[in-house]
């Protein structure tokens, strides 16, 4: 069964898909009958500038309209963003930080001085394998959905396919392969 009442923050750079990942997570939760909010926060609006997107998923109506300050889950699309102090801001001991990195979790925790729960996912390698480019938002999205239990695999595949088929059937199919690979990888964890 899908759980509710979760808050997410997704960090990336302009053009990396943090906004799309937030939108897709919210849309998949809607299919579960949840109330959702998903919105980005931009600095300077340019490609490569830091971007944060926020998602709230709840069993009840959401009445707050502020950025997520104490997230349950944080996804980091671009490992170079870990140098920004705001990545760890508001994280609790039970929050989960999911990072696009091929490093071992303990090594990365030591490098960034993080004491909480952390999971590294080799998003760049997976995206390159299926898309031929470093577009890692679907990998991080899948990890967020899997760990939070905020969306089912089928709902995540449906909303992702619907979004990406407007760009191309090939991109949509590649993103479905990413979701399947990441979901299966995490199930074996």
N, C-alpha and C. Protein backbone atom coordinates (compact mmCIF):
# COMPACT_ATOMS: atom_id res chain seq x y z
N UNK A 1 0.84 -1.19 0.00
CA UNK A 1 0.00 0.00 0.00
C UNK A 1 0.87 1.24 0.00
N UNK A 2 0.46 2.26 -0.69
CA UNK A 2 1.22 3.50 -0.78
C UNK A 2 0.96 4.36 0.44
N UNK A 3 2.04 4.85 1.04
CA UNK A 3 1.94 5.70 2.22
C UNK A 3 1.74 7.15 1.79
N UNK A 4 1.34 8.01 2.72
CA UNK A 4 1.13 9.42 2.40
C UNK A 4 1.87 10.34 3.34
N UNK A 5 1.56 11.63 3.26
CA UNK A 5 2.11 12.65 4.13
C UNK A 5 3.63 12.70 4.09
N UNK A 6 4.16 12.99 2.93
CA UNK A 6 5.61 13.06 2.71
C UNK A 6 5.96 14.41 2.11
N UNK A 7 7.17 14.89 2.45
CA UNK A 7 7.68 16.13 1.85
C UNK A 7 9.03 15.85 1.22
N UNK A 8 9.22 16.43 0.02
CA UNK A 8 10.41 16.19 -0.78
C UNK A 8 11.03 17.51 -1.22
N UNK A 9 12.34 17.46 -1.40
CA UNK A 9 13.07 18.56 -2.03
C UNK A 9 14.01 17.92 -3.04
N UNK A 10 14.00 18.44 -4.25
CA UNK A 10 14.84 17.92 -5.32
C UNK A 10 15.76 19.05 -5.80
N UNK A 11 17.07 18.77 -5.74
CA UNK A 11 18.06 19.78 -6.13
C UNK A 11 18.72 19.38 -7.45
N UNK A 12 18.88 20.37 -8.29
CA UNK A 12 19.58 20.18 -9.55
C UNK A 12 20.02 21.54 -10.07
N UNK A 13 20.38 21.56 -11.32
CA UNK A 13 20.73 22.81 -11.99
C UNK A 13 19.71 23.02 -13.10
N UNK A 14 19.52 24.27 -13.47
CA UNK A 14 18.57 24.60 -14.52
C UNK A 14 18.80 23.74 -15.75
N UNK A 15 17.76 23.10 -16.24
CA UNK A 15 17.85 22.26 -17.42
C UNK A 15 18.08 20.79 -17.13
N UNK A 16 18.28 20.41 -15.85
CA UNK A 16 18.53 19.01 -15.52
C UNK A 16 17.26 18.24 -15.16
N UNK A 17 16.14 18.91 -15.05
CA UNK A 17 14.88 18.20 -14.85
C UNK A 17 14.39 18.07 -13.43
N UNK A 18 14.86 18.91 -12.51
CA UNK A 18 14.36 18.85 -11.13
C UNK A 18 12.87 19.20 -11.10
N UNK A 19 12.47 20.18 -11.89
CA UNK A 19 11.06 20.56 -11.95
C UNK A 19 10.21 19.42 -12.52
N UNK A 20 10.68 18.78 -13.58
CA UNK A 20 9.94 17.67 -14.18
C UNK A 20 9.84 16.49 -13.22
N UNK A 21 10.92 16.20 -12.49
CA UNK A 21 10.90 15.10 -11.53
C UNK A 21 9.84 15.36 -10.45
N UNK A 22 9.77 16.59 -9.96
CA UNK A 22 8.77 16.94 -8.94
C UNK A 22 7.36 16.79 -9.51
N UNK A 23 7.16 17.26 -10.72
CA UNK A 23 5.85 17.16 -11.37
C UNK A 23 5.43 15.70 -11.52
N UNK A 24 6.35 14.86 -11.98
CA UNK A 24 6.03 13.45 -12.20
C UNK A 24 5.73 12.71 -10.90
N UNK A 25 6.48 13.00 -9.85
CA UNK A 25 6.23 12.38 -8.55
C UNK A 25 4.83 12.76 -8.06
N UNK A 26 4.48 14.03 -8.21
CA UNK A 26 3.17 14.50 -7.79
C UNK A 26 2.06 13.86 -8.63
N UNK A 27 2.25 13.79 -9.94
CA UNK A 27 1.23 13.20 -10.80
C UNK A 27 1.02 11.71 -10.50
N UNK A 28 2.09 11.01 -10.19
CA UNK A 28 1.96 9.59 -9.85
C UNK A 28 1.21 9.43 -8.53
N UNK A 29 1.44 10.33 -7.58
CA UNK A 29 0.72 10.28 -6.30
C UNK A 29 -0.76 10.61 -6.47
N UNK A 30 -1.08 11.50 -7.41
CA UNK A 30 -2.48 11.83 -7.69
C UNK A 30 -3.23 10.57 -8.12
N UNK A 31 -2.56 9.73 -8.89
CA UNK A 31 -3.19 8.48 -9.33
C UNK A 31 -3.49 7.55 -8.15
N UNK A 32 -2.87 7.79 -7.02
CA UNK A 32 -3.12 7.02 -5.80
C UNK A 32 -4.19 7.69 -4.93
N UNK A 33 -4.77 8.79 -5.45
CA UNK A 33 -5.82 9.49 -4.71
C UNK A 33 -5.29 10.44 -3.66
N UNK A 34 -4.02 10.82 -3.77
CA UNK A 34 -3.42 11.72 -2.78
C UNK A 34 -3.60 13.18 -3.18
N UNK A 35 -3.48 14.04 -2.19
CA UNK A 35 -3.40 15.48 -2.42
C UNK A 35 -1.92 15.80 -2.63
N UNK A 36 -1.63 16.71 -3.55
CA UNK A 36 -0.23 17.02 -3.84
C UNK A 36 -0.01 18.50 -4.08
N UNK A 37 1.25 18.88 -3.92
CA UNK A 37 1.77 20.17 -4.35
C UNK A 37 3.11 19.88 -4.99
N UNK A 38 3.43 20.55 -6.06
CA UNK A 38 4.75 20.45 -6.67
C UNK A 38 5.06 21.81 -7.28
N UNK A 39 6.21 22.38 -6.90
CA UNK A 39 6.57 23.68 -7.44
C UNK A 39 8.08 23.88 -7.35
N UNK A 40 8.65 24.65 -8.28
CA UNK A 40 10.08 24.91 -8.27
C UNK A 40 10.40 26.22 -7.56
N UNK A 41 11.67 26.38 -7.23
CA UNK A 41 12.19 27.64 -6.71
C UNK A 41 13.47 27.92 -7.49
N UNK A 42 13.49 29.02 -8.20
CA UNK A 42 14.62 29.34 -9.04
C UNK A 42 15.45 30.45 -8.43
N UNK A 43 16.75 30.38 -8.68
CA UNK A 43 17.62 31.52 -8.45
C UNK A 43 17.59 32.29 -9.77
N UNK A 44 18.75 32.68 -10.26
CA UNK A 44 18.77 33.30 -11.59
C UNK A 44 18.29 32.27 -12.61
N UNK A 45 17.32 32.65 -13.43
CA UNK A 45 16.75 31.69 -14.38
C UNK A 45 17.65 31.56 -15.60
N UNK A 46 18.57 30.62 -15.48
CA UNK A 46 19.46 30.33 -16.60
C UNK A 46 19.91 28.89 -16.49
N UNK A 47 20.29 28.34 -17.61
CA UNK A 47 20.77 26.96 -17.63
C UNK A 47 21.99 26.83 -16.74
N UNK A 48 21.99 25.83 -15.88
CA UNK A 48 23.13 25.58 -14.99
C UNK A 48 23.02 26.22 -13.62
N UNK A 49 22.08 27.14 -13.43
CA UNK A 49 21.91 27.77 -12.12
C UNK A 49 21.23 26.79 -11.16
N UNK A 50 21.54 26.86 -9.86
CA UNK A 50 20.89 25.95 -8.90
C UNK A 50 19.37 26.12 -8.89
N UNK A 51 18.68 24.98 -8.83
CA UNK A 51 17.23 24.94 -8.79
C UNK A 51 16.81 23.96 -7.70
N UNK A 52 15.77 24.30 -6.98
CA UNK A 52 15.17 23.36 -6.03
C UNK A 52 13.70 23.23 -6.38
N UNK A 53 13.21 22.02 -6.34
CA UNK A 53 11.78 21.77 -6.55
C UNK A 53 11.24 21.08 -5.31
N UNK A 54 10.01 21.37 -4.99
CA UNK A 54 9.39 20.87 -3.77
C UNK A 54 8.15 20.05 -4.11
N UNK A 55 7.93 19.02 -3.32
CA UNK A 55 6.73 18.19 -3.48
C UNK A 55 6.19 17.88 -2.10
N UNK A 56 4.89 17.99 -1.98
CA UNK A 56 4.18 17.52 -0.80
C UNK A 56 3.15 16.51 -1.27
N UNK A 57 3.06 15.41 -0.54
CA UNK A 57 2.06 14.38 -0.84
C UNK A 57 1.37 14.07 0.48
N UNK A 58 0.04 14.12 0.47
CA UNK A 58 -0.70 13.97 1.71
C UNK A 58 -2.00 13.20 1.50
N UNK A 59 -2.47 12.61 2.57
CA UNK A 59 -3.78 11.95 2.54
C UNK A 59 -4.90 12.97 2.71
N UNK A 60 -4.55 14.14 3.23
CA UNK A 60 -5.53 15.19 3.48
C UNK A 60 -5.16 16.45 2.70
N UNK A 61 -6.10 17.35 2.61
CA UNK A 61 -5.89 18.61 1.88
C UNK A 61 -4.66 19.34 2.42
N UNK A 62 -3.86 19.89 1.53
CA UNK A 62 -2.65 20.62 1.90
C UNK A 62 -2.98 22.11 1.95
N UNK A 63 -2.71 22.74 3.09
CA UNK A 63 -3.07 24.15 3.24
C UNK A 63 -1.86 25.08 3.28
N UNK A 64 -0.67 24.55 3.44
CA UNK A 64 0.51 25.40 3.45
C UNK A 64 1.01 25.62 2.02
N UNK A 65 1.61 26.75 1.78
CA UNK A 65 2.10 27.08 0.44
C UNK A 65 3.52 27.62 0.50
N UNK A 66 4.30 27.14 1.42
CA UNK A 66 5.68 27.58 1.57
C UNK A 66 6.63 26.49 1.08
N UNK A 67 7.89 26.83 0.82
CA UNK A 67 8.85 25.79 0.44
C UNK A 67 8.98 24.75 1.55
N UNK A 68 9.39 23.56 1.17
CA UNK A 68 9.60 22.48 2.13
C UNK A 68 10.88 22.79 2.90
N UNK A 69 10.75 22.92 4.22
CA UNK A 69 11.92 23.28 5.03
C UNK A 69 12.49 22.10 5.82
N UNK A 70 11.70 21.07 6.04
CA UNK A 70 12.17 19.90 6.78
C UNK A 70 11.75 18.64 6.02
N UNK A 71 12.43 18.35 4.90
CA UNK A 71 11.99 17.28 4.01
C UNK A 71 12.21 15.88 4.59
N UNK A 72 11.34 14.98 4.18
CA UNK A 72 11.52 13.56 4.49
C UNK A 72 12.54 12.95 3.53
N UNK A 73 12.55 13.46 2.29
CA UNK A 73 13.42 12.94 1.24
C UNK A 73 14.01 14.10 0.45
N UNK A 74 15.31 13.99 0.16
CA UNK A 74 15.98 14.97 -0.69
C UNK A 74 16.67 14.20 -1.80
N UNK A 75 16.41 14.61 -3.04
CA UNK A 75 17.08 14.03 -4.20
C UNK A 75 18.04 15.03 -4.78
N UNK A 76 19.25 14.58 -5.07
CA UNK A 76 20.28 15.46 -5.64
C UNK A 76 20.65 14.91 -7.02
N UNK A 77 20.23 15.64 -8.05
CA UNK A 77 20.43 15.23 -9.43
C UNK A 77 21.89 15.39 -9.86
N UNK A 78 22.56 16.40 -9.33
CA UNK A 78 23.94 16.73 -9.72
C UNK A 78 24.83 16.70 -8.48
N UNK A 79 25.73 15.73 -8.43
CA UNK A 79 26.59 15.54 -7.26
C UNK A 79 27.40 16.80 -6.91
N UNK A 80 27.74 17.62 -7.90
CA UNK A 80 28.53 18.83 -7.62
C UNK A 80 27.76 19.82 -6.74
N UNK A 81 26.46 19.65 -6.63
CA UNK A 81 25.65 20.54 -5.80
C UNK A 81 25.84 20.28 -4.30
N UNK A 82 26.46 19.16 -3.95
CA UNK A 82 26.64 18.82 -2.54
C UNK A 82 27.50 19.84 -1.81
N UNK A 83 28.21 20.69 -2.54
CA UNK A 83 29.01 21.74 -1.90
C UNK A 83 28.13 22.87 -1.35
N UNK A 84 26.88 22.93 -1.78
CA UNK A 84 25.96 23.96 -1.28
C UNK A 84 25.39 23.52 0.05
N UNK A 85 25.48 24.37 1.06
CA UNK A 85 25.01 24.02 2.40
C UNK A 85 23.50 23.79 2.44
N UNK A 86 22.76 24.39 1.53
CA UNK A 86 21.30 24.24 1.58
C UNK A 86 20.84 22.82 1.26
N UNK A 87 21.69 21.99 0.68
CA UNK A 87 21.31 20.61 0.38
C UNK A 87 20.95 19.87 1.67
N UNK A 88 21.75 20.06 2.72
CA UNK A 88 21.51 19.36 3.99
C UNK A 88 20.59 20.14 4.93
N UNK A 89 20.24 21.34 4.55
CA UNK A 89 19.40 22.20 5.39
C UNK A 89 18.05 21.54 5.70
N UNK A 90 17.72 21.50 6.97
CA UNK A 90 16.41 20.99 7.39
C UNK A 90 16.30 19.48 7.46
N UNK A 91 17.36 18.75 7.07
CA UNK A 91 17.29 17.30 7.12
C UNK A 91 17.29 16.81 8.57
N UNK A 92 16.47 15.82 8.84
CA UNK A 92 16.39 15.22 10.17
C UNK A 92 17.13 13.88 10.15
N UNK A 93 17.27 13.27 11.30
CA UNK A 93 17.95 11.97 11.37
C UNK A 93 17.21 10.91 10.56
N UNK A 94 15.89 11.03 10.45
CA UNK A 94 15.13 10.02 9.70
C UNK A 94 14.88 10.41 8.24
N UNK A 95 15.40 11.57 7.81
CA UNK A 95 15.30 11.97 6.40
C UNK A 95 16.26 11.12 5.58
N UNK A 96 15.97 10.97 4.30
CA UNK A 96 16.84 10.22 3.40
C UNK A 96 17.35 11.14 2.31
N UNK A 97 18.66 11.20 2.16
CA UNK A 97 19.33 11.96 1.13
C UNK A 97 19.73 10.98 0.02
N UNK A 98 19.19 11.20 -1.19
CA UNK A 98 19.47 10.33 -2.34
C UNK A 98 20.30 11.15 -3.32
N UNK A 99 21.50 10.63 -3.64
CA UNK A 99 22.46 11.41 -4.43
C UNK A 99 22.87 10.65 -5.69
N UNK A 100 22.94 11.36 -6.79
CA UNK A 100 23.52 10.83 -8.02
C UNK A 100 25.02 10.73 -7.81
N UNK A 101 25.48 9.55 -7.46
CA UNK A 101 26.91 9.35 -7.23
C UNK A 101 27.24 7.87 -7.33
N UNK A 102 28.43 7.58 -7.82
CA UNK A 102 28.89 6.19 -7.86
C UNK A 102 29.79 5.89 -6.67
N UNK A 103 29.94 6.85 -5.76
CA UNK A 103 30.74 6.63 -4.56
C UNK A 103 30.00 5.71 -3.59
N UNK A 104 30.75 5.09 -2.71
CA UNK A 104 30.15 4.32 -1.62
C UNK A 104 29.50 5.30 -0.65
N UNK A 105 28.37 4.91 -0.06
CA UNK A 105 27.65 5.81 0.83
C UNK A 105 28.52 6.34 1.97
N UNK A 106 29.23 5.46 2.64
CA UNK A 106 30.05 5.89 3.79
C UNK A 106 31.13 6.87 3.37
N UNK A 107 31.71 6.65 2.20
CA UNK A 107 32.74 7.56 1.68
C UNK A 107 32.16 8.94 1.40
N UNK A 108 30.99 8.97 0.78
CA UNK A 108 30.35 10.25 0.47
C UNK A 108 29.90 10.96 1.75
N UNK A 109 29.36 10.21 2.70
CA UNK A 109 28.94 10.82 3.97
C UNK A 109 30.12 11.49 4.65
N UNK A 110 31.25 10.83 4.64
CA UNK A 110 32.45 11.38 5.26
C UNK A 110 32.90 12.64 4.52
N UNK A 111 32.89 12.58 3.18
CA UNK A 111 33.34 13.71 2.37
C UNK A 111 32.50 14.97 2.60
N UNK A 112 31.17 14.79 2.77
CA UNK A 112 30.31 15.97 2.92
C UNK A 112 29.93 16.24 4.38
N UNK A 113 30.41 15.41 5.29
CA UNK A 113 30.12 15.61 6.71
C UNK A 113 28.67 15.38 7.05
N UNK A 114 28.08 14.36 6.47
CA UNK A 114 26.67 14.07 6.68
C UNK A 114 26.52 12.86 7.59
N UNK A 115 25.66 12.98 8.59
CA UNK A 115 25.50 11.91 9.58
C UNK A 115 24.20 11.11 9.40
N UNK A 116 23.32 11.57 8.55
CA UNK A 116 22.01 10.93 8.39
C UNK A 116 22.02 9.79 7.40
N UNK A 117 20.81 9.40 6.97
CA UNK A 117 20.65 8.31 6.01
C UNK A 117 20.93 8.84 4.60
N UNK A 118 21.70 8.06 3.86
CA UNK A 118 22.10 8.48 2.53
C UNK A 118 22.11 7.26 1.61
N UNK A 119 21.68 7.44 0.38
CA UNK A 119 21.75 6.39 -0.62
C UNK A 119 22.33 6.99 -1.90
N UNK A 120 23.38 6.36 -2.41
CA UNK A 120 23.98 6.78 -3.68
C UNK A 120 23.43 5.90 -4.79
N UNK A 121 23.04 6.52 -5.87
CA UNK A 121 22.56 5.79 -7.05
C UNK A 121 23.40 6.28 -8.25
N UNK A 122 23.96 5.36 -9.02
CA UNK A 122 24.79 5.75 -10.16
C UNK A 122 23.95 6.26 -11.34
N UNK A 123 23.30 7.37 -11.12
CA UNK A 123 22.33 7.90 -12.07
C UNK A 123 22.95 8.27 -13.41
N UNK A 124 24.15 8.84 -13.37
CA UNK A 124 24.78 9.24 -14.63
C UNK A 124 25.02 8.03 -15.53
N UNK A 125 25.55 6.95 -14.94
CA UNK A 125 25.82 5.75 -15.74
C UNK A 125 24.53 5.16 -16.31
N UNK A 126 23.48 5.13 -15.51
CA UNK A 126 22.20 4.57 -15.96
C UNK A 126 21.59 5.43 -17.07
N UNK A 127 21.64 6.75 -16.89
CA UNK A 127 21.10 7.65 -17.92
C UNK A 127 21.89 7.55 -19.21
N UNK A 128 23.20 7.49 -19.12
CA UNK A 128 24.03 7.37 -20.33
C UNK A 128 23.73 6.06 -21.07
N UNK A 129 23.52 5.00 -20.31
CA UNK A 129 23.23 3.69 -20.91
C UNK A 129 21.93 3.71 -21.72
N UNK A 130 20.91 4.37 -21.19
CA UNK A 130 19.60 4.32 -21.84
C UNK A 130 19.29 5.53 -22.73
N UNK A 131 19.83 6.69 -22.36
CA UNK A 131 19.51 7.91 -23.12
C UNK A 131 20.67 8.40 -23.98
N UNK A 132 21.88 7.97 -23.62
CA UNK A 132 23.05 8.47 -24.33
C UNK A 132 23.41 9.89 -23.94
N UNK A 133 22.83 10.37 -22.84
CA UNK A 133 23.14 11.71 -22.32
C UNK A 133 22.94 11.74 -20.81
N UNK A 134 23.52 12.73 -20.19
CA UNK A 134 23.52 12.84 -18.73
C UNK A 134 22.24 13.53 -18.23
N UNK A 135 21.11 12.92 -18.48
CA UNK A 135 19.81 13.42 -17.98
C UNK A 135 19.37 12.44 -16.89
N UNK A 136 19.63 12.77 -15.65
CA UNK A 136 19.50 11.82 -14.54
C UNK A 136 18.23 12.00 -13.71
N UNK A 137 17.37 12.91 -14.09
CA UNK A 137 16.21 13.19 -13.24
C UNK A 137 15.28 11.99 -13.09
N UNK A 138 15.12 11.17 -14.12
CA UNK A 138 14.23 10.00 -14.02
C UNK A 138 14.80 8.97 -13.04
N UNK A 139 16.12 8.85 -12.99
CA UNK A 139 16.75 7.93 -12.05
C UNK A 139 16.48 8.38 -10.62
N UNK A 140 16.70 9.65 -10.34
CA UNK A 140 16.48 10.18 -8.98
C UNK A 140 15.00 10.13 -8.64
N UNK A 141 14.14 10.47 -9.58
CA UNK A 141 12.69 10.37 -9.39
C UNK A 141 12.30 8.96 -8.97
N UNK A 142 12.81 7.97 -9.67
CA UNK A 142 12.46 6.58 -9.36
C UNK A 142 12.92 6.19 -7.96
N UNK A 143 14.12 6.60 -7.58
CA UNK A 143 14.61 6.30 -6.23
C UNK A 143 13.74 6.98 -5.17
N UNK A 144 13.35 8.23 -5.41
CA UNK A 144 12.47 8.93 -4.45
C UNK A 144 11.14 8.21 -4.32
N UNK A 145 10.55 7.81 -5.44
CA UNK A 145 9.26 7.12 -5.41
C UNK A 145 9.39 5.77 -4.72
N UNK A 146 10.46 5.05 -5.01
CA UNK A 146 10.66 3.72 -4.42
C UNK A 146 10.81 3.80 -2.90
N UNK A 147 11.74 4.62 -2.44
CA UNK A 147 12.01 4.69 -1.00
C UNK A 147 10.85 5.27 -0.21
N UNK A 148 10.15 6.23 -0.78
CA UNK A 148 9.05 6.89 -0.07
C UNK A 148 7.74 6.12 -0.17
N UNK A 149 7.67 5.18 -1.11
CA UNK A 149 6.44 4.45 -1.37
C UNK A 149 5.29 5.40 -1.71
N UNK A 150 5.63 6.49 -2.36
CA UNK A 150 4.63 7.50 -2.72
C UNK A 150 3.97 7.25 -4.07
N UNK A 151 4.49 6.28 -4.81
CA UNK A 151 3.91 5.95 -6.11
C UNK A 151 4.21 4.49 -6.40
N UNK A 152 3.32 3.87 -7.13
CA UNK A 152 3.58 2.50 -7.56
C UNK A 152 4.45 2.54 -8.82
N UNK A 153 5.06 1.43 -9.12
CA UNK A 153 5.87 1.33 -10.32
C UNK A 153 5.03 1.63 -11.56
N UNK A 154 3.84 1.05 -11.65
CA UNK A 154 3.00 1.26 -12.83
C UNK A 154 2.55 2.71 -12.97
N UNK A 155 2.20 3.36 -11.87
CA UNK A 155 1.79 4.76 -11.95
C UNK A 155 2.96 5.66 -12.35
N UNK A 156 4.13 5.36 -11.83
CA UNK A 156 5.32 6.13 -12.18
C UNK A 156 5.63 5.96 -13.68
N UNK A 157 5.52 4.75 -14.17
CA UNK A 157 5.77 4.51 -15.60
C UNK A 157 4.73 5.23 -16.45
N UNK A 158 3.47 5.22 -16.03
CA UNK A 158 2.41 5.86 -16.81
C UNK A 158 2.63 7.36 -16.96
N UNK A 159 2.86 8.05 -15.84
CA UNK A 159 3.01 9.51 -15.92
C UNK A 159 4.29 9.90 -16.65
N UNK A 160 5.34 9.11 -16.48
CA UNK A 160 6.59 9.41 -17.17
C UNK A 160 6.44 9.21 -18.67
N UNK A 161 5.83 8.12 -19.07
CA UNK A 161 5.61 7.87 -20.48
C UNK A 161 4.75 8.98 -21.09
N UNK A 162 3.67 9.35 -20.41
CA UNK A 162 2.78 10.40 -20.92
C UNK A 162 3.51 11.72 -21.13
N UNK A 163 4.42 12.07 -20.21
CA UNK A 163 5.16 13.33 -20.36
C UNK A 163 6.17 13.25 -21.50
N UNK A 164 6.96 12.19 -21.53
CA UNK A 164 8.05 12.12 -22.50
C UNK A 164 7.61 11.74 -23.90
N UNK A 165 6.44 11.12 -24.06
CA UNK A 165 6.01 10.77 -25.42
C UNK A 165 5.72 12.03 -26.24
N UNK A 166 5.46 13.15 -25.56
CA UNK A 166 5.25 14.40 -26.29
C UNK A 166 6.55 14.89 -26.92
N UNK A 167 7.69 14.45 -26.39
CA UNK A 167 9.00 14.80 -26.97
C UNK A 167 9.36 13.81 -28.06
N UNK A 168 9.29 12.53 -27.71
CA UNK A 168 9.51 11.48 -28.71
C UNK A 168 9.23 10.12 -28.08
N UNK A 169 8.76 9.21 -28.91
CA UNK A 169 8.47 7.84 -28.47
C UNK A 169 9.74 7.17 -27.95
N UNK A 170 10.85 7.44 -28.60
CA UNK A 170 12.14 6.86 -28.22
C UNK A 170 12.58 7.33 -26.83
N UNK A 171 12.44 8.62 -26.56
CA UNK A 171 12.80 9.17 -25.24
C UNK A 171 11.87 8.59 -24.18
N UNK A 172 10.60 8.47 -24.49
CA UNK A 172 9.64 7.89 -23.54
C UNK A 172 10.02 6.45 -23.21
N UNK A 173 10.31 5.67 -24.23
CA UNK A 173 10.69 4.26 -24.03
C UNK A 173 11.98 4.14 -23.22
N UNK A 174 12.95 4.99 -23.51
CA UNK A 174 14.22 4.96 -22.77
C UNK A 174 14.00 5.29 -21.30
N UNK A 175 13.12 6.24 -21.01
CA UNK A 175 12.84 6.58 -19.62
C UNK A 175 12.13 5.45 -18.90
N UNK A 176 11.28 4.71 -19.60
CA UNK A 176 10.64 3.54 -18.99
C UNK A 176 11.67 2.47 -18.66
N UNK A 177 12.67 2.31 -19.52
CA UNK A 177 13.76 1.35 -19.24
C UNK A 177 14.55 1.78 -18.00
N UNK A 178 14.77 3.08 -17.87
CA UNK A 178 15.46 3.60 -16.69
C UNK A 178 14.67 3.27 -15.43
N UNK A 179 13.38 3.57 -15.45
CA UNK A 179 12.54 3.31 -14.28
C UNK A 179 12.59 1.84 -13.90
N UNK A 180 12.43 0.97 -14.87
CA UNK A 180 12.44 -0.46 -14.59
C UNK A 180 13.78 -0.91 -14.01
N UNK A 181 14.88 -0.46 -14.60
CA UNK A 181 16.20 -0.85 -14.10
C UNK A 181 16.44 -0.37 -12.67
N UNK A 182 16.12 0.89 -12.41
CA UNK A 182 16.35 1.46 -11.07
C UNK A 182 15.45 0.78 -10.05
N UNK A 183 14.19 0.60 -10.37
CA UNK A 183 13.24 -0.04 -9.44
C UNK A 183 13.72 -1.44 -9.07
N UNK A 184 14.13 -2.21 -10.09
CA UNK A 184 14.62 -3.57 -9.85
C UNK A 184 15.92 -3.57 -9.05
N UNK A 185 16.80 -2.63 -9.34
CA UNK A 185 18.05 -2.50 -8.59
C UNK A 185 17.77 -2.23 -7.11
N UNK A 186 16.81 -1.35 -6.84
CA UNK A 186 16.49 -0.99 -5.46
C UNK A 186 15.78 -2.12 -4.74
N UNK A 187 14.99 -2.90 -5.45
CA UNK A 187 14.31 -4.06 -4.84
C UNK A 187 15.32 -5.09 -4.34
N UNK A 188 16.46 -5.20 -5.03
CA UNK A 188 17.50 -6.16 -4.65
C UNK A 188 18.39 -5.66 -3.52
N UNK A 189 18.28 -4.41 -3.20
CA UNK A 189 19.13 -3.75 -2.21
C UNK A 189 18.91 -4.33 -0.84
